[in-house]
């Protein structure tokens, strides 16, 4: 049987991840707003932006995949350890 302390710690870790993602998403949204502003000003800037974006996506894909696997493992850990009783 899992004790309350372990459940609380697991959920706390999950919320720490969510908090970090929220902060990251906020920063990305700000960057995106600035990029849209510049891309709409110049067609050449737009083409350069699209090329750079494609290259960056290739770099980031493995990192995102690793993060998604870590989340899946954490979710499985939470589900296997949380046996709620009515």
N, C-alpha and C. Protein backbone atom coordinates (compact mmCIF):
# COMPACT_ATOMS: atom_id res chain seq x y z
N UNK A 1 0.84 -1.19 0.00
CA UNK A 1 0.00 0.00 0.00
C UNK A 1 0.89 1.25 0.00
N UNK A 2 0.49 2.22 -0.78
CA UNK A 2 1.23 3.46 -0.92
C UNK A 2 0.76 4.43 0.17
N UNK A 3 1.71 5.08 0.79
CA UNK A 3 1.30 6.02 1.83
C UNK A 3 1.02 7.40 1.24
N UNK A 4 0.34 8.20 2.03
CA UNK A 4 -0.07 9.54 1.60
C UNK A 4 1.11 10.42 1.24
N UNK A 5 2.21 10.27 1.94
CA UNK A 5 3.39 11.08 1.67
C UNK A 5 3.94 10.82 0.27
N UNK A 6 3.97 9.56 -0.14
CA UNK A 6 4.46 9.23 -1.49
C UNK A 6 3.53 9.79 -2.56
N UNK A 7 2.23 9.70 -2.32
CA UNK A 7 1.27 10.25 -3.28
C UNK A 7 1.45 11.76 -3.38
N UNK A 8 1.56 12.40 -2.25
CA UNK A 8 1.73 13.85 -2.25
C UNK A 8 3.00 14.27 -2.97
N UNK A 9 4.09 13.56 -2.73
CA UNK A 9 5.35 13.90 -3.39
C UNK A 9 5.26 13.70 -4.90
N UNK A 10 4.62 12.63 -5.32
CA UNK A 10 4.46 12.35 -6.75
C UNK A 10 3.64 13.45 -7.41
N UNK A 11 2.55 13.82 -6.78
CA UNK A 11 1.71 14.88 -7.34
C UNK A 11 2.44 16.22 -7.34
N UNK A 12 3.24 16.47 -6.32
CA UNK A 12 4.02 17.71 -6.27
C UNK A 12 5.00 17.77 -7.44
N UNK A 13 5.65 16.66 -7.73
CA UNK A 13 6.59 16.62 -8.86
C UNK A 13 5.84 16.87 -10.17
N UNK A 14 4.67 16.30 -10.30
CA UNK A 14 3.86 16.50 -11.51
C UNK A 14 3.52 17.98 -11.67
N UNK A 15 3.12 18.61 -10.59
CA UNK A 15 2.78 20.02 -10.67
C UNK A 15 4.00 20.90 -10.92
N UNK A 16 5.15 20.49 -10.45
CA UNK A 16 6.37 21.23 -10.78
C UNK A 16 6.64 21.19 -12.27
N UNK A 17 6.40 20.04 -12.89
CA UNK A 17 6.57 19.93 -14.34
C UNK A 17 5.57 20.83 -15.05
N UNK A 18 4.33 20.82 -14.59
CA UNK A 18 3.30 21.65 -15.21
C UNK A 18 3.67 23.13 -15.08
N UNK A 19 4.16 23.52 -13.91
CA UNK A 19 4.56 24.91 -13.69
C UNK A 19 5.68 25.30 -14.65
N UNK A 20 6.65 24.43 -14.81
CA UNK A 20 7.76 24.72 -15.73
C UNK A 20 7.25 24.86 -17.16
N UNK A 21 6.34 23.99 -17.55
CA UNK A 21 5.79 24.07 -18.90
C UNK A 21 5.00 25.36 -19.10
N UNK A 22 4.29 25.77 -18.09
CA UNK A 22 3.52 27.00 -18.18
C UNK A 22 4.46 28.19 -18.42
N UNK A 23 5.55 28.24 -17.68
CA UNK A 23 6.52 29.32 -17.85
C UNK A 23 7.13 29.29 -19.24
N UNK A 24 7.46 28.10 -19.72
CA UNK A 24 8.04 27.95 -21.05
C UNK A 24 7.05 28.37 -22.12
N UNK A 25 5.81 27.95 -21.97
CA UNK A 25 4.79 28.32 -22.94
C UNK A 25 4.60 29.82 -23.00
N UNK A 26 4.63 30.47 -21.86
CA UNK A 26 4.50 31.93 -21.84
C UNK A 26 5.63 32.59 -22.62
N UNK A 27 6.85 32.12 -22.42
CA UNK A 27 7.99 32.69 -23.13
C UNK A 27 7.86 32.44 -24.64
N UNK A 28 7.42 31.27 -25.02
CA UNK A 28 7.26 30.95 -26.44
C UNK A 28 6.19 31.84 -27.07
N UNK A 29 5.11 32.07 -26.35
CA UNK A 29 4.05 32.91 -26.89
C UNK A 29 4.55 34.33 -27.13
N UNK A 30 5.38 34.83 -26.24
CA UNK A 30 5.95 36.17 -26.42
C UNK A 30 6.87 36.19 -27.64
N UNK A 31 7.74 35.19 -27.74
CA UNK A 31 8.63 35.10 -28.90
C UNK A 31 7.84 35.03 -30.19
N UNK A 32 6.78 34.25 -30.19
CA UNK A 32 5.97 34.08 -31.39
C UNK A 32 5.31 35.39 -31.80
N UNK A 33 4.84 36.14 -30.84
CA UNK A 33 4.22 37.44 -31.16
C UNK A 33 5.22 38.37 -31.83
N UNK A 34 6.44 38.41 -31.32
CA UNK A 34 7.48 39.25 -31.90
C UNK A 34 7.83 38.77 -33.31
N UNK A 35 7.97 37.46 -33.47
CA UNK A 35 8.30 36.91 -34.80
C UNK A 35 7.21 37.22 -35.81
N UNK A 36 5.97 37.08 -35.43
CA UNK A 36 4.87 37.39 -36.35
C UNK A 36 4.96 38.84 -36.81
N UNK A 37 5.26 39.71 -35.90
CA UNK A 37 5.38 41.12 -36.24
C UNK A 37 6.43 41.32 -37.33
N UNK A 38 7.59 40.71 -37.18
CA UNK A 38 8.67 40.88 -38.16
C UNK A 38 8.40 40.13 -39.46
N UNK A 39 7.81 38.96 -39.38
CA UNK A 39 7.53 38.18 -40.58
C UNK A 39 6.53 38.89 -41.46
N UNK A 40 5.55 39.53 -40.86
CA UNK A 40 4.54 40.21 -41.66
C UNK A 40 5.07 41.47 -42.32
N UNK A 41 6.19 42.00 -41.85
CA UNK A 41 6.75 43.23 -42.42
C UNK A 41 7.49 43.00 -43.74
N UNK A 42 8.10 41.82 -43.92
CA UNK A 42 8.97 41.63 -45.08
C UNK A 42 8.88 40.19 -45.60
N UNK A 43 8.64 40.01 -46.90
CA UNK A 43 8.62 38.67 -47.48
C UNK A 43 9.96 37.95 -47.33
N UNK A 44 11.07 38.67 -47.47
CA UNK A 44 12.39 38.03 -47.33
C UNK A 44 12.58 37.56 -45.89
N UNK A 45 12.17 38.37 -44.95
CA UNK A 45 12.25 37.97 -43.55
C UNK A 45 11.41 36.71 -43.33
N UNK A 46 10.27 36.67 -43.97
CA UNK A 46 9.38 35.52 -43.84
C UNK A 46 10.03 34.24 -44.36
N UNK A 47 10.66 34.32 -45.51
CA UNK A 47 11.34 33.14 -46.07
C UNK A 47 12.48 32.68 -45.17
N UNK A 48 13.25 33.64 -44.71
CA UNK A 48 14.37 33.31 -43.82
C UNK A 48 13.85 32.70 -42.52
N UNK A 49 12.77 33.25 -42.01
CA UNK A 49 12.17 32.72 -40.78
C UNK A 49 11.72 31.27 -40.98
N UNK A 50 11.07 30.99 -42.08
CA UNK A 50 10.60 29.62 -42.34
C UNK A 50 11.76 28.63 -42.46
N UNK A 51 12.85 29.04 -43.10
CA UNK A 51 14.02 28.15 -43.20
C UNK A 51 14.61 27.89 -41.81
N UNK A 52 14.75 28.96 -41.05
CA UNK A 52 15.32 28.82 -39.70
C UNK A 52 14.40 27.98 -38.82
N UNK A 53 13.12 28.20 -38.92
CA UNK A 53 12.15 27.44 -38.13
C UNK A 53 12.24 25.95 -38.43
N UNK A 54 12.34 25.61 -39.71
CA UNK A 54 12.44 24.20 -40.09
C UNK A 54 13.69 23.56 -39.48
N UNK A 55 14.80 24.27 -39.50
CA UNK A 55 16.03 23.74 -38.91
C UNK A 55 15.89 23.57 -37.38
N UNK A 56 15.28 24.55 -36.74
CA UNK A 56 15.11 24.48 -35.29
C UNK A 56 14.17 23.36 -34.89
N UNK A 57 13.14 23.13 -35.67
CA UNK A 57 12.21 22.03 -35.38
C UNK A 57 12.95 20.70 -35.39
N UNK A 58 13.84 20.52 -36.35
CA UNK A 58 14.62 19.28 -36.41
C UNK A 58 15.49 19.11 -35.17
N UNK A 59 16.03 20.22 -34.66
CA UNK A 59 16.86 20.14 -33.45
C UNK A 59 16.04 19.81 -32.21
N UNK A 60 14.84 20.35 -32.14
CA UNK A 60 14.03 20.26 -30.93
C UNK A 60 13.25 18.95 -30.84
N UNK A 61 12.95 18.34 -31.95
CA UNK A 61 12.12 17.11 -31.94
C UNK A 61 12.62 16.06 -30.96
N UNK A 62 13.92 15.72 -30.94
CA UNK A 62 14.39 14.71 -29.98
C UNK A 62 14.19 15.13 -28.53
N UNK A 63 14.35 16.42 -28.24
CA UNK A 63 14.16 16.89 -26.87
C UNK A 63 12.70 16.78 -26.46
N UNK A 64 11.80 17.12 -27.35
CA UNK A 64 10.38 17.01 -27.06
C UNK A 64 9.99 15.54 -26.87
N UNK A 65 10.50 14.68 -27.72
CA UNK A 65 10.20 13.25 -27.58
C UNK A 65 10.68 12.71 -26.24
N UNK A 66 11.86 13.12 -25.81
CA UNK A 66 12.38 12.70 -24.50
C UNK A 66 11.48 13.21 -23.38
N UNK A 67 11.07 14.46 -23.47
CA UNK A 67 10.19 15.02 -22.45
C UNK A 67 8.86 14.28 -22.41
N UNK A 68 8.31 13.96 -23.57
CA UNK A 68 7.03 13.25 -23.61
C UNK A 68 7.15 11.86 -22.99
N UNK A 69 8.27 11.19 -23.25
CA UNK A 69 8.48 9.86 -22.63
C UNK A 69 8.57 9.99 -21.12
N UNK A 70 9.26 11.03 -20.64
CA UNK A 70 9.38 11.24 -19.20
C UNK A 70 8.01 11.50 -18.58
N UNK A 71 7.17 12.28 -19.26
CA UNK A 71 5.82 12.50 -18.75
C UNK A 71 5.02 11.20 -18.71
N UNK A 72 5.12 10.41 -19.76
CA UNK A 72 4.40 9.14 -19.78
C UNK A 72 4.84 8.23 -18.63
N UNK A 73 6.14 8.18 -18.38
CA UNK A 73 6.64 7.38 -17.26
C UNK A 73 6.11 7.89 -15.93
N UNK A 74 6.08 9.20 -15.77
CA UNK A 74 5.58 9.79 -14.52
C UNK A 74 4.08 9.50 -14.35
N UNK A 75 3.34 9.62 -15.44
CA UNK A 75 1.90 9.34 -15.38
C UNK A 75 1.66 7.87 -15.02
N UNK A 76 2.41 6.99 -15.64
CA UNK A 76 2.27 5.56 -15.31
C UNK A 76 2.62 5.31 -13.85
N UNK A 77 3.67 5.98 -13.35
CA UNK A 77 4.07 5.84 -11.96
C UNK A 77 2.96 6.32 -11.03
N UNK A 78 2.37 7.46 -11.35
CA UNK A 78 1.26 7.97 -10.53
C UNK A 78 0.09 7.00 -10.54
N UNK A 79 -0.27 6.53 -11.72
CA UNK A 79 -1.42 5.64 -11.82
C UNK A 79 -1.19 4.31 -11.10
N UNK A 80 0.03 3.81 -11.15
CA UNK A 80 0.30 2.52 -10.51
C UNK A 80 0.37 2.65 -8.99
N UNK A 81 0.70 3.85 -8.50
CA UNK A 81 0.82 4.04 -7.07
C UNK A 81 -0.40 4.62 -6.39
N UNK A 82 -1.33 5.13 -7.16
CA UNK A 82 -2.52 5.75 -6.57
C UNK A 82 -3.70 4.79 -6.68
N UNK A 83 -4.01 4.16 -5.61
CA UNK A 83 -5.16 3.27 -5.57
C UNK A 83 -6.17 3.89 -4.62
N UNK A 84 -7.08 4.67 -5.20
CA UNK A 84 -8.03 5.41 -4.38
C UNK A 84 -9.12 4.49 -3.88
N UNK A 85 -9.55 4.74 -2.67
CA UNK A 85 -10.64 3.96 -2.07
C UNK A 85 -11.81 4.89 -1.80
N UNK A 86 -13.00 4.40 -2.06
CA UNK A 86 -14.21 5.20 -1.79
C UNK A 86 -14.64 5.03 -0.35
